[in-house]
Structure formats: structure tokens, C-alpha cells
N, C-alpha and C. Protein backbone atom coordinates (compact mmCIF):
# COMPACT_ATOMS: atom_id res chain seq x y z
N UNK A 1 114.69 153.23 23.74
CA UNK A 1 114.23 152.08 24.51
C UNK A 1 112.66 152.27 24.78
N UNK A 2 112.33 153.57 25.11
CA UNK A 2 110.89 153.82 25.43
C UNK A 2 110.00 153.52 24.15
N UNK A 3 110.57 153.81 23.00
CA UNK A 3 109.77 153.65 21.81
C UNK A 3 109.52 152.13 21.57
N UNK A 4 110.60 151.33 21.81
CA UNK A 4 110.43 149.86 21.65
C UNK A 4 109.43 149.35 22.68
N UNK A 5 109.53 149.71 23.91
CA UNK A 5 108.59 149.32 24.87
C UNK A 5 107.14 149.76 24.57
N UNK A 6 106.94 150.90 23.97
CA UNK A 6 105.65 151.44 23.59
C UNK A 6 105.11 150.59 22.40
N UNK A 7 105.98 150.27 21.42
CA UNK A 7 105.54 149.42 20.34
C UNK A 7 105.16 148.03 20.78
N UNK A 8 105.89 147.48 21.73
CA UNK A 8 105.51 146.18 22.21
C UNK A 8 104.22 146.17 22.95
N UNK A 9 104.00 147.19 23.71
CA UNK A 9 102.68 147.32 24.38
C UNK A 9 101.53 147.51 23.40
N UNK A 10 101.76 148.31 22.42
CA UNK A 10 100.76 148.54 21.37
C UNK A 10 100.37 147.21 20.57
N UNK A 11 101.44 146.49 20.23
CA UNK A 11 101.32 145.24 19.54
C UNK A 11 100.54 144.20 20.48
N UNK A 12 100.81 144.18 21.74
CA UNK A 12 100.12 143.36 22.64
C UNK A 12 98.65 143.69 22.72
N UNK A 13 98.37 144.96 22.64
CA UNK A 13 96.94 145.40 22.68
C UNK A 13 96.11 144.91 21.55
N UNK A 14 96.76 144.81 20.37
CA UNK A 14 96.03 144.48 19.12
C UNK A 14 96.30 143.03 18.75
N UNK A 15 96.95 142.27 19.62
CA UNK A 15 97.17 140.84 19.27
C UNK A 15 96.02 140.03 19.79
N UNK A 16 95.47 139.15 18.94
CA UNK A 16 94.38 138.28 19.39
C UNK A 16 94.91 137.12 20.17
N UNK A 17 94.13 136.71 21.12
CA UNK A 17 94.44 135.51 21.90
C UNK A 17 93.32 134.48 21.63
N UNK A 18 93.70 133.19 21.78
CA UNK A 18 92.72 132.17 21.54
C UNK A 18 91.95 132.02 22.82
N UNK A 19 90.64 132.14 22.74
CA UNK A 19 89.78 131.94 23.93
C UNK A 19 88.62 131.06 23.49
N UNK A 20 87.93 130.56 24.49
CA UNK A 20 86.74 129.73 24.21
C UNK A 20 85.54 130.65 23.96
N UNK A 21 85.66 131.89 24.33
CA UNK A 21 84.53 132.85 24.17
C UNK A 21 85.09 133.99 23.29
N UNK A 22 84.22 134.37 22.20
CA UNK A 22 84.62 135.49 21.34
C UNK A 22 84.74 136.74 22.24
N UNK A 23 85.85 137.46 22.18
CA UNK A 23 85.99 138.69 22.99
C UNK A 23 86.19 139.87 22.05
N UNK A 24 85.43 140.97 22.39
CA UNK A 24 85.61 142.21 21.65
C UNK A 24 86.21 143.24 22.59
N UNK A 25 87.17 144.07 22.10
CA UNK A 25 87.82 145.04 22.99
C UNK A 25 86.74 146.17 23.33
N UNK A 26 85.93 146.58 22.38
CA UNK A 26 84.97 147.67 22.60
C UNK A 26 83.56 147.18 23.10
N UNK A 27 83.11 146.07 22.40
CA UNK A 27 81.76 145.60 22.64
C UNK A 27 81.66 144.05 22.57
N UNK A 28 81.10 143.42 23.59
CA UNK A 28 80.75 141.98 23.44
C UNK A 28 79.23 141.89 23.49
N UNK A 29 78.72 141.14 22.55
CA UNK A 29 77.27 140.88 22.61
C UNK A 29 77.08 139.49 21.92
N UNK A 30 77.33 138.42 22.65
CA UNK A 30 77.34 137.07 22.16
C UNK A 30 76.29 136.15 22.96
N UNK A 31 75.67 135.29 22.19
CA UNK A 31 74.95 134.18 22.83
C UNK A 31 75.65 132.87 22.51
N UNK A 32 75.95 132.12 23.61
CA UNK A 32 76.82 130.94 23.48
C UNK A 32 76.08 129.78 24.16
N UNK A 33 76.32 128.59 23.63
CA UNK A 33 75.78 127.38 24.31
C UNK A 33 76.59 127.13 25.57
N UNK A 34 75.87 126.90 26.61
CA UNK A 34 76.55 126.67 27.91
C UNK A 34 76.53 125.20 28.22
N UNK A 35 75.43 124.56 28.07
CA UNK A 35 75.31 123.14 28.39
C UNK A 35 74.56 122.49 27.16
N UNK A 36 75.22 121.58 26.59
CA UNK A 36 74.61 120.80 25.44
C UNK A 36 73.66 119.84 25.93
N UNK A 37 72.48 119.91 25.37
CA UNK A 37 71.46 118.94 25.76
C UNK A 37 70.67 118.62 24.46
N UNK A 38 69.45 118.33 24.56
CA UNK A 38 68.64 117.99 23.41
C UNK A 38 67.90 119.26 22.96
N UNK A 39 68.60 120.11 22.22
CA UNK A 39 68.02 121.32 21.66
C UNK A 39 66.89 121.08 20.75
N UNK A 40 66.82 119.90 20.12
CA UNK A 40 65.68 119.63 19.22
C UNK A 40 64.41 119.24 19.97
N UNK A 41 64.57 118.90 21.26
CA UNK A 41 63.35 118.52 22.04
C UNK A 41 62.45 119.73 22.19
N UNK A 42 61.15 119.50 22.19
CA UNK A 42 60.22 120.66 22.39
C UNK A 42 60.27 121.21 23.80
N UNK A 43 60.68 122.47 23.86
CA UNK A 43 60.75 123.19 25.17
C UNK A 43 59.56 124.06 25.26
N UNK A 44 58.69 123.72 26.31
CA UNK A 44 57.51 124.48 26.51
C UNK A 44 57.71 125.62 27.45
N UNK A 45 58.92 125.67 28.17
CA UNK A 45 59.08 126.78 29.09
C UNK A 45 60.54 127.28 28.89
N UNK A 46 60.63 128.52 29.29
CA UNK A 46 61.96 129.25 29.20
C UNK A 46 62.13 130.04 30.48
N UNK A 47 63.27 129.95 31.11
CA UNK A 47 63.59 130.74 32.26
C UNK A 47 64.93 131.44 32.13
N UNK A 48 65.03 132.62 32.68
CA UNK A 48 66.36 133.33 32.61
C UNK A 48 66.77 133.82 34.00
N UNK A 49 68.10 134.01 34.13
CA UNK A 49 68.62 134.58 35.38
C UNK A 49 69.81 135.47 34.93
N UNK A 50 69.97 136.65 35.56
CA UNK A 50 70.96 137.60 35.08
C UNK A 50 71.77 138.18 36.23
N UNK A 51 73.10 138.29 35.90
CA UNK A 51 74.10 138.95 36.72
C UNK A 51 74.69 140.16 36.02
N UNK A 52 75.10 141.19 36.76
CA UNK A 52 75.71 142.37 36.14
C UNK A 52 77.03 142.72 36.81
N UNK A 53 77.90 143.41 35.99
CA UNK A 53 79.19 143.85 36.57
C UNK A 53 79.29 145.35 36.13
N UNK A 54 80.03 146.08 37.02
CA UNK A 54 80.19 147.53 36.85
C UNK A 54 81.68 147.78 36.99
N UNK A 55 82.21 148.47 35.95
CA UNK A 55 83.59 148.85 35.85
C UNK A 55 84.60 147.79 36.21
N UNK A 56 84.22 146.63 36.03
CA UNK A 56 85.07 145.44 36.24
C UNK A 56 85.45 145.32 37.73
N UNK A 57 84.77 146.00 38.59
CA UNK A 57 85.13 145.93 40.09
C UNK A 57 83.90 145.45 40.92
N UNK A 58 82.74 145.52 40.47
CA UNK A 58 81.56 145.14 41.23
C UNK A 58 80.71 144.18 40.35
N UNK A 59 80.43 143.05 40.90
CA UNK A 59 79.63 142.08 40.22
C UNK A 59 78.45 141.60 41.19
N UNK A 60 77.26 141.67 40.69
CA UNK A 60 76.07 141.33 41.51
C UNK A 60 75.09 140.51 40.74
N UNK A 61 74.26 139.74 41.41
CA UNK A 61 73.23 138.91 40.73
C UNK A 61 73.46 137.44 40.88
N UNK A 62 72.56 136.70 40.27
CA UNK A 62 72.60 135.27 40.31
C UNK A 62 72.19 134.76 38.96
N UNK A 63 73.12 134.36 38.12
CA UNK A 63 72.79 133.85 36.78
C UNK A 63 73.00 132.36 36.68
N UNK A 64 72.72 131.64 37.79
CA UNK A 64 72.97 130.19 37.75
C UNK A 64 71.85 129.45 36.96
N UNK A 65 72.18 128.29 36.55
CA UNK A 65 71.22 127.48 35.80
C UNK A 65 70.01 127.10 36.72
N UNK A 66 70.32 126.89 38.05
CA UNK A 66 69.29 126.53 38.97
C UNK A 66 68.26 127.75 39.12
N UNK A 67 68.76 128.92 39.20
CA UNK A 67 67.88 130.08 39.31
C UNK A 67 67.06 130.31 38.05
N UNK A 68 67.70 130.21 36.90
CA UNK A 68 67.02 130.34 35.60
C UNK A 68 65.89 129.31 35.45
N UNK A 69 66.19 128.12 35.83
CA UNK A 69 65.20 127.08 35.76
C UNK A 69 64.04 127.28 36.64
N UNK A 70 64.33 127.72 37.92
CA UNK A 70 63.34 128.06 38.92
C UNK A 70 62.47 129.24 38.45
N UNK A 71 63.06 130.25 37.79
CA UNK A 71 62.32 131.41 37.31
C UNK A 71 61.40 131.01 36.22
N UNK A 72 61.71 129.96 35.44
CA UNK A 72 60.84 129.56 34.31
C UNK A 72 59.88 128.48 34.73
N UNK A 73 59.99 127.95 36.00
CA UNK A 73 59.18 126.82 36.39
C UNK A 73 59.57 125.52 35.70
N UNK A 74 60.80 125.33 35.42
CA UNK A 74 61.35 124.20 34.71
C UNK A 74 61.89 123.16 35.59
N UNK A 75 61.39 121.89 35.42
CA UNK A 75 61.82 120.77 36.25
C UNK A 75 62.71 119.86 35.37
N UNK A 76 62.58 119.84 34.07
CA UNK A 76 63.35 118.99 33.15
C UNK A 76 64.03 119.92 32.18
N UNK A 77 65.35 120.10 32.19
CA UNK A 77 66.07 120.94 31.33
C UNK A 77 66.45 120.22 30.05
N UNK A 78 66.16 120.90 28.94
CA UNK A 78 66.61 120.43 27.61
C UNK A 78 67.92 120.94 27.20
N UNK A 79 68.08 122.28 27.31
CA UNK A 79 69.43 122.86 26.96
C UNK A 79 69.46 124.21 27.58
N UNK A 80 70.72 124.79 27.61
CA UNK A 80 70.98 126.01 28.27
C UNK A 80 71.89 126.89 27.35
N UNK A 81 71.60 128.16 27.28
CA UNK A 81 72.35 129.18 26.54
C UNK A 81 72.88 130.24 27.48
N UNK A 82 73.98 130.90 27.12
CA UNK A 82 74.53 131.92 27.95
C UNK A 82 74.74 133.16 27.06
N UNK A 83 74.26 134.30 27.46
CA UNK A 83 74.39 135.51 26.77
C UNK A 83 75.27 136.52 27.49
N UNK A 84 76.24 137.12 26.80
CA UNK A 84 77.12 138.03 27.39
C UNK A 84 77.08 139.33 26.68
N UNK A 85 76.97 140.46 27.41
CA UNK A 85 76.97 141.79 26.87
C UNK A 85 77.93 142.63 27.71
N UNK A 86 78.91 143.26 27.11
CA UNK A 86 79.87 144.06 27.88
C UNK A 86 80.31 145.19 26.97
N UNK A 87 80.23 146.35 27.55
CA UNK A 87 80.73 147.57 26.78
C UNK A 87 81.95 148.17 27.50
N UNK A 88 83.07 148.06 26.75
CA UNK A 88 84.29 148.67 27.29
C UNK A 88 84.80 148.16 28.62
N UNK A 89 84.23 147.12 29.07
CA UNK A 89 84.54 146.60 30.40
C UNK A 89 83.88 147.31 31.52
N UNK A 90 83.12 148.38 31.25
CA UNK A 90 82.41 149.18 32.23
C UNK A 90 81.13 148.59 32.68
N UNK A 91 80.27 148.10 31.82
CA UNK A 91 79.05 147.59 32.17
C UNK A 91 78.88 146.23 31.43
N UNK A 92 78.68 145.26 32.34
CA UNK A 92 78.52 143.84 31.80
C UNK A 92 77.18 143.23 32.22
N UNK A 93 76.57 142.42 31.34
CA UNK A 93 75.40 141.75 31.67
C UNK A 93 75.55 140.28 31.25
N UNK A 94 75.28 139.32 32.11
CA UNK A 94 75.49 137.92 31.87
C UNK A 94 74.12 137.23 32.17
N UNK A 95 73.52 136.60 31.17
CA UNK A 95 72.25 136.04 31.22
C UNK A 95 72.28 134.53 30.89
N UNK A 96 71.79 133.66 31.73
CA UNK A 96 71.62 132.33 31.51
C UNK A 96 70.20 132.03 31.16
N UNK A 97 69.95 131.33 30.06
CA UNK A 97 68.59 131.02 29.56
C UNK A 97 68.51 129.48 29.51
N UNK A 98 67.51 128.97 30.27
CA UNK A 98 67.19 127.56 30.33
C UNK A 98 65.95 127.31 29.60
N UNK A 99 65.97 126.19 28.78
CA UNK A 99 64.87 125.71 27.98
C UNK A 99 64.51 124.35 28.50
N UNK A 100 63.15 124.12 28.72
CA UNK A 100 62.74 122.79 29.17
C UNK A 100 61.32 122.63 29.36
N UNK A 101 60.94 121.70 30.27
CA UNK A 101 59.56 121.43 30.53
C UNK A 101 59.26 121.62 32.07
């Protein structure tokens, strides 16, 4: 019975789940569109805002669109991207990048 339970747990570990965000077990390093806008419009300014997480228990920072726009001096937003970096769930970095004028 213990062997069967162990095999089920192992299979669950390696089974993929459908998510909106690509997830890696060991490393995540993705840039994703967060808000669709006019990406073809000329963006003269770029602003970023970052949050961090540690060991999946502590999360600090402000990675809001509002803060990223403010940091870039942007008043008219063209589009927004979201970058996720995470290593083994221990250290995570989440950056919102706003493009605009």
C-alpha cells in the first residue's frame, strides 16, 4: 500500500497542470503580457516596479501598474508586460514594466 501511495505522489509531482502562466518546477524566467494595449504605438518612456518573495513565505514590494507608470513618468499607458523569475520557490522576483508616454 505504501508503494502505491508513493507512486501516486510521484506521478502527481511530474504531472503537468494547465495554467495561464508557464510554470517550471526548478526555474521560472518568463516575460508575459499583462495588459493588452497598443504595443505598436511609439512608447517614449518605460517604467518598472518590482516585488520579491522569499521561501514562499515572505513577499515584499510594490509591482503595481500605477507604481511602474509613476517610476517611468508615464501618464498615457500603451501596454504592460509582467516578468516572473523564481528559483525552486525560494527566491522570486515579479516585475511589471509599463510602456507609454
